[in-house]
Amino acid sequence: MTASRYLPQLLEKDTQKFQQYFIEQRFPPHYSKSITQQNLGEQFHLLMQQLMMGLPVEPLLLTYPDMAHWVKQLHPIINIPAQKKLCNINKQMLIAEWRLVAHYDLLIEWEQKTIVVDWTTERHIPQPEKLEDSWKTQLRLFLLTETQEIPPQYISIIYCFVNEDEFPTIYQFNYNQERHDVFIDRLAVTLSKLPTTTNSTNESELSPENSMNEHYTNLQKFFKGEISAAEYLETVPEVEI
């Protein structure tokens, strides 16, 4: 788990901390999870990747009974009949000089329907409404819609929190056009907070407030297809990193 995973929500909530962490690279000592918990999650994701690829995992399951139990919990979901299943992939989209990236443990596709499946060993389970509204969720759904041109109403996401119980904790959220439009606005506002510089020789230089408003408007037009990517990029100020 890298620090960049937290970039959007940190930028949205606290621009000053974003500046410290991601521009000045000054991270707090407690920023990362414990190495043990992080390694456990990475090992389980690797095991699931091998399983979905059809590679033999029985020796590993015999050695790690906890993971064997987690795999058993996920069987009903990963065995859902489908026309296509894609495991361990990324979707990305370049906006100005910023690349938005989302990871997908599993994509299940049939006819026009696509289901995102995320499995995790996290012990902290957020409230459903917070998880649905999180950047982690909304960015995944947004990028899937934009990169694969899938209507939002045909997309949903399932979170599986594996545990020691008989069944995992499962949340499913459906996407729609209204949520997609709301996230476009949210993304535009958030990206407008990125540190920018303007040409000091330009006599018609915009005020910071007007510059942000113009950026916000142009980004909305780009997302809605009213201007091309090239036209949008011409309006974006230089970004200092």
Protein backbone atom coordinates (compact mmCIF):
# COMPACT_ATOMS: atom_id res chain seq x y z
CA MET A 1 0.00 0.00 0.00
CA THR A 2 1.61 3.21 -1.13
CA ALA A 3 1.11 6.77 0.00
CA SER A 4 -0.27 7.74 -3.42
CA ARG A 5 -3.40 5.72 -2.64
CA TYR A 6 -4.41 8.43 -0.18
CA LEU A 7 -3.69 11.40 -2.46
CA PRO A 8 -7.22 12.35 -3.60
CA GLN A 9 -8.97 12.22 -0.24
CA LEU A 10 -6.10 14.03 1.49
CA LEU A 11 -6.09 16.74 -1.18
CA GLU A 12 -9.86 17.07 -0.80
CA LYS A 13 -9.80 17.37 3.00
CA ASP A 14 -6.49 19.09 3.82
CA THR A 15 -4.55 20.90 1.09
CA GLN A 16 -1.76 21.85 3.52
CA LYS A 17 -1.06 18.25 4.51
CA PHE A 18 -1.18 17.24 0.86
CA GLN A 19 1.50 19.84 0.17
CA GLN A 20 3.65 18.48 3.02
CA TYR A 21 3.26 14.80 2.19
CA PHE A 22 3.19 14.63 -1.60
CA ILE A 23 4.97 17.76 -2.74
CA GLU A 24 7.55 18.16 0.03
CA GLN A 25 7.66 14.41 0.77
CA ARG A 26 7.45 14.89 4.56
CA PHE A 27 5.47 11.90 5.87
CA PRO A 28 4.40 11.35 9.50
CA PRO A 29 5.95 8.28 11.21
CA HIS A 30 2.54 6.60 11.68
CA TYR A 31 1.44 6.99 8.05
CA SER A 32 1.92 3.35 6.98
CA LYS A 33 0.24 0.25 8.33
CA SER A 34 2.32 -2.22 10.32
CA ILE A 35 4.67 -4.31 8.16
CA THR A 36 3.06 -7.53 9.41
CA GLN A 37 -0.46 -6.53 8.42
CA GLN A 38 0.71 -5.14 5.09
CA ASN A 39 2.64 -8.31 4.25
CA LEU A 40 -0.35 -10.48 5.16
CA GLY A 41 -2.60 -8.57 2.79
CA GLU A 42 -0.04 -8.71 -0.02
CA GLN A 43 0.46 -12.48 0.47
CA PHE A 44 -3.27 -13.12 0.34
CA HIS A 45 -3.71 -11.03 -2.80
CA LEU A 46 -0.85 -12.94 -4.45
CA LEU A 47 -2.47 -16.23 -3.45
CA MET A 48 -5.81 -15.13 -4.92
CA GLN A 49 -4.09 -13.99 -8.10
CA GLN A 50 -2.48 -17.42 -8.49
CA LEU A 51 -5.82 -19.11 -7.81
CA MET A 52 -7.64 -17.02 -10.42
CA MET A 53 -4.89 -17.80 -12.95
CA GLY A 54 -5.45 -21.53 -12.42
CA LEU A 55 -2.07 -22.13 -10.78
CA PRO A 56 -1.80 -24.82 -8.06
CA VAL A 57 -2.22 -23.33 -4.59
CA GLU A 58 -3.03 -26.42 -2.51
CA PRO A 59 0.41 -26.62 -0.83
CA LEU A 60 0.06 -22.99 0.27
CA LEU A 61 -3.44 -23.59 1.60
CA LEU A 62 -2.21 -26.53 3.66
CA THR A 63 0.59 -24.40 5.10
CA TYR A 64 -1.61 -21.37 5.85
CA PRO A 65 -5.00 -22.53 7.21
CA ASP A 66 -6.18 -18.96 7.81
CA MET A 67 -5.76 -18.16 4.14
CA ALA A 68 -7.42 -21.43 3.19
CA HIS A 69 -10.44 -20.33 5.22
CA TRP A 70 -10.48 -16.91 3.51
CA VAL A 71 -10.34 -18.53 0.07
CA LYS A 72 -13.28 -20.74 1.06
CA GLN A 73 -15.22 -17.62 2.08
CA LEU A 74 -14.67 -16.10 -1.38
CA HIS A 75 -15.59 -19.20 -3.41
CA PRO A 76 -19.29 -18.26 -3.93
CA ILE A 77 -18.29 -14.92 -5.42
CA ILE A 78 -15.26 -15.83 -7.53
CA ASN A 79 -17.19 -18.79 -8.97
CA ILE A 80 -20.08 -16.63 -10.23
CA PRO A 81 -20.74 -17.67 -13.88
CA ALA A 82 -19.60 -14.99 -16.31
CA GLN A 83 -18.64 -14.35 -19.92
CA LYS A 84 -15.29 -12.92 -18.83
CA LYS A 85 -13.29 -12.58 -15.61
CA LEU A 86 -10.28 -10.27 -15.32
CA CYS A 87 -8.07 -10.53 -12.25
CA ASN A 88 -5.57 -8.07 -10.77
CA ILE A 89 -5.79 -5.24 -13.30
CA ASN A 90 -5.50 -1.46 -13.27
CA LYS A 91 -7.50 1.21 -15.03
CA GLN A 92 -6.02 4.66 -15.52
CA MET A 93 -6.84 8.02 -17.02
CA LEU A 94 -4.58 11.01 -17.63
CA ILE A 95 -6.06 14.38 -16.67
CA ALA A 96 -3.67 17.24 -17.37
CA GLU A 97 -0.40 16.11 -15.74
CA TRP A 98 -2.11 13.88 -13.19
CA ARG A 99 -2.70 10.18 -13.74
CA LEU A 100 -5.70 8.66 -11.98
CA VAL A 101 -5.19 4.95 -11.28
CA ALA A 102 -7.51 2.38 -9.71
CA HIS A 103 -6.78 -1.27 -8.94
CA TYR A 104 -9.33 -4.06 -9.36
CA ASP A 105 -8.93 -7.46 -7.69
CA LEU A 106 -11.52 -8.96 -10.02
CA LEU A 107 -13.86 -7.81 -12.78
CA ILE A 108 -16.80 -10.08 -13.61
CA GLU A 109 -18.46 -9.33 -16.94
CA TRP A 110 -21.51 -10.74 -18.67
CA GLU A 111 -23.70 -9.16 -21.32
CA GLN A 112 -23.77 -5.46 -20.35
CA LYS A 113 -23.24 -5.95 -16.61
CA THR A 114 -19.86 -5.51 -14.88
CA ILE A 115 -19.18 -6.26 -11.21
CA VAL A 116 -16.04 -5.08 -9.43
CA VAL A 117 -14.93 -7.43 -6.63
CA ASP A 118 -12.52 -6.31 -3.92
CA TRP A 119 -11.24 -8.68 -1.24
CA THR A 120 -9.33 -7.51 1.79
CA THR A 121 -7.88 -8.75 5.09
CA GLU A 122 -8.48 -5.37 6.71
CA ARG A 123 -9.82 -5.71 10.25
CA HIS A 124 -11.33 -2.24 10.33
CA ILE A 125 -14.62 -2.31 8.46
CA PRO A 126 -15.98 1.18 7.68
CA GLN A 127 -19.63 2.06 7.79
CA PRO A 128 -21.34 1.17 4.48
CA GLU A 129 -22.26 4.76 3.61
CA LYS A 130 -18.67 5.93 4.21
CA LEU A 131 -17.25 3.11 2.13
CA GLU A 132 -19.64 3.81 -0.74
CA ASP A 133 -18.79 7.52 -0.74
CA SER A 134 -15.04 6.97 -0.38
CA TRP A 135 -12.53 7.86 -3.08
CA LYS A 136 -11.51 4.21 -3.21
CA THR A 137 -15.00 3.23 -4.31
CA GLN A 138 -16.06 6.18 -6.44
CA LEU A 139 -12.78 6.44 -8.37
CA ARG A 140 -12.93 2.75 -9.29
CA LEU A 141 -16.48 3.08 -10.59
CA PHE A 142 -15.71 6.36 -12.36
CA LEU A 143 -12.64 5.02 -14.19
CA LEU A 144 -14.43 1.85 -15.21
CA THR A 145 -17.20 3.94 -16.75
CA GLU A 146 -14.80 6.32 -18.51
CA THR A 147 -12.19 3.85 -19.77
CA GLN A 148 -14.52 1.08 -20.91
CA GLU A 149 -17.48 3.29 -21.84
CA ILE A 150 -19.88 1.25 -19.70
CA PRO A 151 -23.12 3.01 -18.71
CA PRO A 152 -22.95 3.63 -14.94
CA GLN A 153 -26.21 1.81 -14.25
CA TYR A 154 -24.62 -1.45 -15.43
CA ILE A 155 -21.77 -1.32 -12.90
CA SER A 156 -21.63 -2.39 -9.26
CA ILE A 157 -18.91 -3.12 -6.72
CA ILE A 158 -18.69 -5.82 -4.05
CA TYR A 159 -16.37 -5.56 -1.03
CA CYS A 160 -15.46 -8.79 0.76
CA PHE A 161 -13.89 -8.43 4.21
CA VAL A 162 -12.54 -11.91 4.96
CA ASN A 163 -12.38 -12.90 8.63
CA GLU A 164 -12.44 -15.81 11.08
CA ASP A 165 -16.24 -16.20 10.91
CA GLU A 166 -18.07 -18.66 8.71
CA PHE A 167 -18.92 -15.97 6.17
CA PRO A 168 -17.13 -12.76 5.13
CA THR A 169 -18.60 -9.31 5.64
CA ILE A 170 -19.93 -8.26 2.22
CA TYR A 171 -21.08 -4.88 0.96
CA GLN A 172 -22.44 -4.28 -2.53
CA PHE A 173 -22.98 -0.84 -4.06
CA ASN A 174 -24.68 -0.06 -7.37
CA TYR A 175 -23.53 2.79 -9.57
CA ASN A 176 -25.70 5.18 -11.60
CA GLN A 177 -25.50 8.31 -13.74
CA GLU A 178 -26.35 10.60 -10.84
CA ARG A 179 -23.41 9.32 -8.78
CA HIS A 180 -21.16 9.57 -11.81
CA ASP A 181 -22.08 13.22 -12.35
CA VAL A 182 -21.60 13.98 -8.65
CA PHE A 183 -18.12 12.46 -8.72
CA ILE A 184 -17.20 14.48 -11.82
CA ASP A 185 -17.99 17.64 -9.86
CA ARG A 186 -16.12 16.31 -6.81
CA LEU A 187 -13.08 15.41 -8.89
CA ALA A 188 -13.05 18.80 -10.62
CA VAL A 189 -13.16 20.66 -7.30
CA THR A 190 -10.42 18.45 -5.83
CA LEU A 191 -8.05 18.73 -8.79
CA SER A 192 -8.54 22.48 -8.82
CA LYS A 193 -6.77 22.52 -5.43
CA LEU A 194 -3.54 21.22 -6.91
CA PRO A 195 -0.64 23.69 -6.64
CA THR A 196 -0.23 25.56 -9.92
CA THR A 197 1.79 28.42 -11.34
CA THR A 198 0.72 30.97 -13.92
CA ASN A 199 2.79 32.90 -16.43
CA SER A 200 3.92 36.06 -14.65
CA THR A 201 4.43 37.84 -17.99
CA ASN A 202 0.77 37.48 -18.84
CA GLU A 203 -0.86 40.85 -18.23
CA SER A 204 -4.31 39.27 -18.11
CA GLU A 205 -3.31 36.84 -15.37
CA LEU A 206 -6.36 35.46 -13.56
CA SER A 207 -6.85 35.74 -9.83
CA PRO A 208 -6.48 32.40 -7.93
CA GLU A 209 -10.24 32.25 -7.44
CA ASN A 210 -11.05 32.94 -11.09
CA SER A 211 -8.33 30.53 -12.23
CA MET A 212 -9.81 27.76 -10.06
CA ASN A 213 -13.30 28.45 -11.38
CA GLU A 214 -12.10 28.36 -14.99
CA HIS A 215 -10.22 25.10 -14.37
CA TYR A 216 -13.29 23.60 -12.71
CA THR A 217 -15.53 24.59 -15.64
CA ASN A 218 -13.14 23.28 -18.29
CA LEU A 219 -12.66 19.99 -16.45
CA GLN A 220 -16.42 19.49 -16.33
CA LYS A 221 -16.63 20.18 -20.07
CA PHE A 222 -13.86 17.64 -20.72
CA PHE A 223 -15.58 14.90 -18.68
CA LYS A 224 -18.91 15.55 -20.39
CA GLY A 225 -17.35 15.44 -23.87
CA GLU A 226 -18.00 19.10 -24.65
CA ILE A 227 -14.30 19.76 -25.36
CA SER A 228 -11.51 17.43 -26.47
CA ALA A 229 -8.55 16.34 -24.35
CA ALA A 230 -6.26 18.60 -26.40
CA GLU A 231 -8.56 21.58 -25.89
CA TYR A 232 -8.70 20.92 -22.15
CA LEU A 233 -4.94 20.55 -21.80
CA GLU A 234 -4.43 23.96 -23.43
CA THR A 235 -6.34 25.54 -20.52
CA VAL A 236 -4.41 23.82 -17.72
CA PRO A 237 -1.70 25.84 -15.96
CA GLU A 238 1.72 24.32 -15.44
CA VAL A 239 1.82 22.06 -12.39
CA GLU A 240 4.88 22.10 -10.14
CA ILE A 241 5.79 18.73 -8.62
